[in-house]
Amino acid sequence: MSDGHSRAGRAASRGDGATAAVVIPSYNCAHLLGEAIASVLAQTRPADEIIVVDDGSTDDTATVVRRTPGVRYLWQPNAGLAAARNAGMHAARSALVQFLDADDVLRPTAIEAGLRCAGAHPQCALVAGRHVVMRPESAVERPWPDFVSDDMYAELLRLNFVACVNAVLFRRDALMRIGGFDHRLRSCHDYDVYLRVARQYPIALHDEVVAEYRVRSASMSSDLRRMYTSTMTVLARQRPHVRDDPARAEALRVGWRFYYHYYGLPMLEAALARLRRPEGVAGALRDLAAVARHDRGALKWFLRDRLARG
């Protein structure tokens, strides 16, 4: 792991001569987009490109972008977050690309720290820093976990420790070679990409906090069924790649159990409570069906346990 602090800022800004683009996908986020763009313009090492991909917004996204010189504006019919990220990836000309969701912000040294780490680890396809989870009532810095091995793919199977895509700097050619973000997923496009990258390339981490991830009630991460279904779909895709590797297969089992308890179990508890109300039955059955599709054994255990408790 890189410590992220081993070189002076001026040397870091030169890095290995690489260029860096920031891609901001936006869908009806005009009221927040200006702050995201401002955070990129405030970088200690300026971005070589700033690209906003308007994913078919019906608000004033275009107006916000066009009043800011130096920001490239791309429009596409609404196709979702993954497709918007891919459009920006293809439009960029820089060697490295950083993605920033329109409702989040970068810390001022994000690009500088990312380029420093990328320059120190030229073989790595992805370098990531830490981020802060911002809620109305709190701000919590996400630490790196205690890793049990040097196999970053196995570590990602256990836990999506990178989490926030805003804190990641990708080598654009490597990201394009693996096919970019998968638009077929409803969410967890970033987790899927991290796993596909780490399966084929080394990755590096640094300790600088480079991004603020803002949790709002409308955020994808607040939808338990969506997050459970997408996470389990992403993990299920890894089975063919770990079948002949006992250590990685065990890491996948650990991750599967973790995300069942993190997303699936709270969803089932809430579904059981909703079943007692006529207006909640339909949604509760959809939640039960989602778990049944991915882990029928876990659903059977849950229902048997709750029936035994009475």
Protein backbone atom coordinates (compact mmCIF):
# COMPACT_ATOMS: atom_id res chain seq x y z
CA MET A 1 0.00 0.00 0.00
CA SER A 2 1.28 3.45 -0.80
CA ASP A 3 1.24 5.92 2.08
CA GLY A 4 0.17 8.72 -0.29
CA HIS A 5 2.51 11.22 1.39
CA SER A 6 5.98 10.29 0.15
CA ARG A 7 6.56 13.10 -2.34
CA ALA A 8 6.14 16.83 -2.35
CA GLY A 9 3.04 18.28 -3.94
CA ARG A 10 4.93 19.85 -6.85
CA ALA A 11 6.54 16.54 -7.78
CA ALA A 12 3.20 14.83 -7.37
CA SER A 13 1.55 17.22 -9.78
CA ARG A 14 4.13 16.27 -12.38
CA GLY A 15 3.79 12.58 -11.50
CA ASP A 16 4.85 10.46 -14.46
CA GLY A 17 3.69 13.06 -16.95
CA ALA A 18 0.21 11.54 -17.00
CA THR A 19 -2.90 13.57 -17.69
CA ALA A 20 -6.07 13.29 -15.65
CA ALA A 21 -9.73 13.83 -16.57
CA VAL A 22 -12.64 14.20 -14.17
CA VAL A 23 -15.95 12.85 -15.48
CA ILE A 24 -19.15 14.02 -13.75
CA PRO A 25 -22.31 12.11 -14.74
CA SER A 26 -25.46 14.03 -13.86
CA TYR A 27 -29.16 13.30 -13.98
CA ASN A 28 -31.44 16.09 -12.72
CA CYS A 29 -28.80 17.30 -10.26
CA ALA A 30 -28.48 20.90 -11.47
CA HIS A 31 -29.03 22.17 -7.90
CA LEU A 32 -25.94 20.26 -6.70
CA LEU A 33 -23.80 20.09 -9.83
CA GLY A 34 -22.27 23.54 -9.39
CA GLU A 35 -20.69 22.51 -6.10
CA ALA A 36 -19.27 19.33 -7.64
CA ILE A 37 -17.73 21.32 -10.52
CA ALA A 38 -16.37 23.92 -8.09
CA SER A 39 -14.61 21.17 -6.12
CA VAL A 40 -12.82 20.08 -9.31
CA LEU A 41 -11.86 23.65 -10.21
CA ALA A 42 -10.40 24.04 -6.70
CA GLN A 43 -7.88 21.20 -7.11
CA THR A 44 -4.28 21.87 -6.11
CA ARG A 45 -3.31 20.01 -9.27
CA PRO A 46 -5.81 21.07 -11.95
CA ALA A 47 -7.64 18.47 -13.99
CA ASP A 48 -6.56 18.34 -17.62
CA GLU A 49 -10.20 17.77 -18.62
CA ILE A 50 -13.53 18.25 -16.88
CA ILE A 51 -16.41 16.48 -18.61
CA VAL A 52 -20.03 16.60 -17.50
CA VAL A 53 -22.23 13.89 -19.01
CA ASP A 54 -25.88 14.94 -18.91
CA ASP A 55 -27.86 11.71 -18.76
CA GLY A 56 -31.04 13.12 -20.29
CA SER A 57 -31.81 15.61 -17.51
CA THR A 58 -34.97 17.68 -17.58
CA ASP A 59 -33.62 20.39 -15.28
CA ASP A 60 -31.06 23.18 -15.80
CA THR A 61 -27.99 20.93 -15.97
CA ALA A 62 -26.89 22.37 -19.34
CA THR A 63 -27.17 25.94 -18.06
CA VAL A 64 -25.05 25.16 -14.98
CA VAL A 65 -22.30 23.63 -17.12
CA ARG A 66 -22.27 26.25 -19.86
CA ARG A 67 -21.73 29.11 -17.45
CA THR A 68 -18.46 27.50 -16.31
CA PRO A 69 -15.61 28.00 -18.82
CA GLY A 70 -13.40 25.01 -19.49
CA VAL A 71 -16.00 22.36 -18.72
CA ARG A 72 -17.02 20.06 -21.56
CA TYR A 73 -20.73 19.24 -21.84
CA LEU A 74 -22.00 15.96 -23.31
CA TRP A 75 -25.68 15.08 -23.56
CA GLN A 76 -27.16 11.63 -24.01
CA PRO A 77 -30.69 10.19 -23.78
CA ASN A 78 -31.31 8.84 -20.29
CA ALA A 79 -29.43 5.54 -20.06
CA GLY A 80 -28.36 5.36 -16.43
CA LEU A 81 -25.28 6.09 -14.35
CA ALA A 82 -23.06 3.33 -15.76
CA ALA A 83 -23.73 4.36 -19.36
CA ALA A 84 -23.04 8.02 -18.49
CA ARG A 85 -19.72 7.10 -16.89
CA ASN A 86 -18.79 5.06 -19.95
CA ALA A 87 -19.66 7.95 -22.26
CA GLY A 88 -17.32 10.20 -20.31
CA MET A 89 -14.60 7.54 -20.30
CA HIS A 90 -14.77 7.26 -24.09
CA ALA A 91 -14.88 11.04 -24.58
CA ALA A 92 -11.84 11.70 -22.38
CA ARG A 93 -8.39 11.97 -23.92
CA SER A 94 -6.41 11.80 -20.68
CA ALA A 95 -4.41 8.79 -19.53
CA LEU A 96 -6.21 8.66 -16.19
CA VAL A 97 -9.81 9.31 -15.33
CA GLN A 98 -11.59 10.09 -12.08
CA PHE A 99 -15.37 9.90 -11.75
CA LEU A 100 -17.34 12.26 -9.53
CA ASP A 101 -21.05 11.87 -8.88
CA ALA A 102 -22.88 15.16 -9.34
CA ASP A 103 -24.12 15.25 -5.74
CA ASP A 104 -20.67 14.68 -4.19
CA VAL A 105 -17.43 16.68 -4.03
CA LEU A 106 -13.69 16.13 -4.21
CA ARG A 107 -11.30 17.33 -1.54
CA PRO A 108 -8.75 19.85 -2.95
CA THR A 109 -5.82 17.40 -3.13
CA ALA A 110 -7.73 14.52 -4.77
CA ILE A 111 -6.06 14.65 -8.19
CA GLU A 112 -2.65 15.48 -6.75
CA ALA A 113 -2.77 12.51 -4.36
CA GLY A 114 -4.10 10.18 -7.05
CA LEU A 115 -1.38 11.13 -9.53
CA ARG A 116 1.29 10.77 -6.86
CA CYS A 117 0.11 7.24 -6.10
CA ALA A 118 -0.30 6.36 -9.79
CA GLY A 119 3.20 7.65 -10.51
CA ALA A 120 4.63 5.51 -7.72
CA HIS A 121 2.73 2.45 -8.98
CA PRO A 122 2.74 2.62 -12.80
CA GLN A 123 1.77 -1.05 -13.06
CA CYS A 124 -1.53 -0.45 -11.23
CA ALA A 125 -4.77 0.05 -13.16
CA LEU A 126 -6.55 1.63 -10.23
CA VAL A 127 -5.38 3.77 -7.33
CA ALA A 128 -7.75 4.72 -4.53
CA GLY A 129 -7.78 7.06 -1.59
CA ARG A 130 -10.10 7.27 1.39
CA HIS A 131 -13.39 9.15 1.63
CA VAL A 132 -15.73 10.72 4.14
CA VAL A 133 -19.34 9.60 4.44
CA MET A 134 -21.38 12.77 4.94
CA ARG A 135 -24.81 12.59 6.57
CA PRO A 136 -26.87 15.51 7.86
CA GLU A 137 -25.98 14.53 11.42
CA SER A 138 -22.42 13.25 11.01
CA ALA A 139 -19.22 12.99 8.96
CA VAL A 140 -17.33 9.70 9.21
CA GLU A 141 -13.97 8.98 7.60
CA ARG A 142 -13.80 5.48 6.13
CA PRO A 143 -10.55 3.74 7.17
CA TRP A 144 -8.93 0.93 5.25
CA PRO A 145 -9.71 -2.47 6.80
CA ASP A 146 -7.13 -4.81 8.27
CA PHE A 147 -6.26 -6.90 5.25
CA VAL A 148 -5.65 -10.61 5.74
CA SER A 149 -3.64 -11.09 2.52
CA ASP A 150 -1.84 -9.24 -0.27
CA ASP A 151 -4.40 -10.50 -2.79
CA MET A 152 -6.50 -7.40 -3.42
CA TYR A 153 -9.03 -9.33 -5.51
CA ALA A 154 -9.64 -11.68 -2.57
CA GLU A 155 -9.86 -8.71 -0.20
CA LEU A 156 -12.48 -7.10 -2.44
CA LEU A 157 -14.44 -10.35 -2.47
CA ARG A 158 -14.62 -10.13 1.32
CA LEU A 159 -15.58 -6.47 1.37
CA ASN A 160 -15.91 -3.58 -1.05
CA PHE A 161 -13.33 -1.59 0.89
CA VAL A 162 -12.79 0.90 -1.96
CA ALA A 163 -16.53 1.71 -1.93
CA CYS A 164 -16.65 5.32 -3.12
CA VAL A 165 -15.85 5.66 -6.84
CA ASN A 166 -15.16 9.38 -6.33
CA ALA A 167 -11.97 8.40 -4.47
CA VAL A 168 -10.59 6.31 -7.35
CA LEU A 169 -8.26 7.24 -10.22
CA PHE A 170 -8.38 4.73 -13.09
CA ARG A 171 -5.96 4.15 -15.94
CA ARG A 172 -8.34 4.78 -18.80
CA ASP A 173 -6.87 2.21 -21.18
CA ALA A 174 -7.19 -0.58 -18.60
CA LEU A 175 -10.75 0.45 -17.75
CA MET A 176 -11.66 0.40 -21.43
CA ARG A 177 -10.03 -3.01 -21.90
CA ILE A 178 -12.26 -4.59 -19.25
CA GLY A 179 -15.35 -3.00 -20.82
CA GLY A 180 -15.99 -0.09 -18.45
CA PHE A 181 -19.04 -0.04 -16.21
CA ASP A 182 -21.81 -2.59 -16.70
CA HIS A 183 -25.03 -0.74 -17.59
CA ARG A 184 -27.09 -3.90 -16.99
CA LEU A 185 -26.66 -3.56 -13.22
CA ARG A 186 -29.18 -1.41 -11.36
CA SER A 187 -26.44 -0.32 -8.94
CA CYS A 188 -23.04 -1.50 -7.62
CA HIS A 189 -21.46 -0.75 -11.01
CA ASP A 190 -18.39 0.45 -9.13
CA TYR A 191 -17.99 -2.73 -7.04
CA ASP A 192 -18.28 -4.79 -10.22
CA VAL A 193 -15.56 -2.71 -11.89
CA TYR A 194 -13.20 -2.92 -8.90
CA LEU A 195 -13.48 -6.72 -8.93
CA ARG A 196 -12.91 -6.98 -12.68
CA VAL A 197 -9.91 -4.64 -12.48
CA ALA A 198 -8.36 -6.36 -9.45
CA ARG A 199 -8.79 -9.78 -11.06
CA GLN A 200 -6.56 -8.70 -13.97
CA TYR A 201 -4.33 -5.90 -12.68
CA PRO A 202 -2.58 -4.74 -9.51
CA ILE A 203 -4.24 -1.92 -7.58
CA ALA A 204 -2.77 0.53 -5.07
CA LEU A 205 -4.15 2.50 -2.14
CA HIS A 206 -3.09 5.67 -0.40
CA ASP A 207 -4.17 7.18 2.90
CA GLU A 208 -5.30 10.64 1.88
CA VAL A 209 -9.00 11.52 2.23
CA VAL A 210 -9.89 12.72 -1.26
CA ALA A 211 -13.69 12.70 -1.57
CA GLU A 212 -16.93 13.38 0.28
CA TYR A 213 -19.76 10.92 -0.31
CA ARG A 214 -23.07 12.53 0.64
CA VAL A 215 -25.86 10.24 1.80
CA ARG A 216 -29.34 11.46 0.96
CA SER A 217 -32.70 9.71 1.23
CA ALA A 218 -32.86 9.48 -2.58
CA SER A 219 -29.42 7.87 -2.85
CA MET A 220 -29.15 4.45 -4.48
CA SER A 221 -27.50 3.15 -1.32
CA SER A 222 -30.68 3.83 0.69
CA ASP A 223 -32.66 1.20 -1.29
CA LEU A 224 -32.02 -2.13 0.45
CA ARG A 225 -33.61 -4.34 -2.20
CA ARG A 226 -31.72 -2.70 -5.03
CA MET A 227 -28.42 -2.87 -3.15
CA TYR A 228 -28.92 -6.48 -2.02
CA THR A 229 -29.90 -7.68 -5.49
CA SER A 230 -27.07 -5.84 -7.27
CA THR A 231 -24.39 -6.81 -4.75
CA MET A 232 -25.35 -10.49 -4.84
CA THR A 233 -25.44 -10.41 -8.64
CA VAL A 234 -21.92 -8.97 -8.69
CA LEU A 235 -20.63 -11.57 -6.22
CA ALA A 236 -22.34 -14.45 -8.03
CA ARG A 237 -20.44 -13.47 -11.18
CA GLN A 238 -17.18 -14.20 -9.38
CA ARG A 239 -17.90 -17.90 -8.80
CA PRO A 240 -16.31 -19.13 -12.06
CA HIS A 241 -13.17 -17.14 -11.27
CA VAL A 242 -12.61 -18.61 -7.79
CA ARG A 243 -13.69 -22.20 -8.37
CA ASP A 244 -10.12 -23.53 -8.55
CA ASP A 245 -8.68 -21.27 -5.85
CA PRO A 246 -9.66 -22.32 -2.29
CA ALA A 247 -8.48 -19.06 -0.68
CA ARG A 248 -10.45 -16.90 -3.09
CA ALA A 249 -13.47 -19.20 -2.87
CA GLU A 250 -13.45 -18.76 0.91
CA ALA A 251 -13.10 -14.99 0.50
CA LEU A 252 -16.22 -15.04 -1.70
CA ARG A 253 -18.13 -16.99 0.97
CA VAL A 254 -17.09 -14.41 3.57
CA GLY A 255 -18.28 -11.56 1.35
CA TRP A 256 -21.55 -13.33 0.58
CA ARG A 257 -22.29 -13.77 4.30
CA PHE A 258 -21.30 -10.21 5.05
CA TYR A 259 -23.59 -8.64 2.45
CA TYR A 260 -26.47 -10.95 3.36
CA HIS A 261 -26.25 -9.61 6.92
CA TYR A 262 -25.63 -6.03 5.76
CA TYR A 263 -28.44 -5.75 3.20
CA GLY A 264 -30.47 -8.95 3.13
CA LEU A 265 -31.20 -9.49 6.81
CA PRO A 266 -32.41 -5.91 7.52
CA MET A 267 -34.55 -6.14 4.38
CA LEU A 268 -36.12 -9.39 5.59
CA GLU A 269 -36.77 -7.99 9.06
CA ALA A 270 -38.53 -4.98 7.55
CA ALA A 271 -40.47 -7.21 5.14
CA LEU A 272 -41.73 -9.36 7.99
CA ALA A 273 -42.99 -6.26 9.79
CA ARG A 274 -44.73 -5.00 6.65
CA LEU A 275 -46.52 -8.29 6.12
CA ARG A 276 -48.65 -7.41 9.15
CA ARG A 277 -50.10 -4.41 7.30
CA PRO A 278 -52.30 -4.91 4.20
CA GLU A 279 -50.70 -1.99 2.38
CA GLY A 280 -47.22 -3.43 2.95
CA VAL A 281 -47.77 -6.97 1.68
CA ALA A 282 -46.83 -6.41 -1.97
CA GLY A 283 -43.52 -4.75 -1.18
CA ALA A 284 -42.71 -7.33 1.48
CA LEU A 285 -43.28 -10.18 -0.96
CA ARG A 286 -40.97 -8.51 -3.48
CA ASP A 287 -38.26 -8.35 -0.82
CA LEU A 288 -38.74 -12.01 0.10
CA ALA A 289 -38.59 -12.97 -3.57
CA ALA A 290 -35.35 -11.03 -4.03
CA VAL A 291 -33.64 -13.04 -1.30
CA ALA A 292 -35.13 -16.30 -2.62
CA ARG A 293 -33.60 -15.64 -6.04
CA HIS A 294 -30.10 -15.24 -4.65
CA ASP A 295 -30.00 -17.34 -1.48
CA ARG A 296 -32.97 -19.63 -0.94
CA GLY A 297 -31.19 -21.34 1.95
CA ALA A 298 -30.78 -18.06 3.82
CA LEU A 299 -34.46 -17.25 3.34
CA LYS A 300 -35.52 -20.67 4.63
CA TRP A 301 -33.27 -20.29 7.68
CA PHE A 302 -34.65 -16.80 8.38
CA LEU A 303 -38.30 -17.87 8.14
CA ARG A 304 -37.73 -21.01 10.20
CA ASP A 305 -35.91 -19.00 12.88
CA ARG A 306 -38.64 -16.35 13.09
CA LEU A 307 -41.41 -18.98 13.22
CA ALA A 308 -39.59 -20.74 16.05
CA ARG A 309 -39.44 -17.48 17.96
CA GLY A 310 -43.19 -17.10 17.49
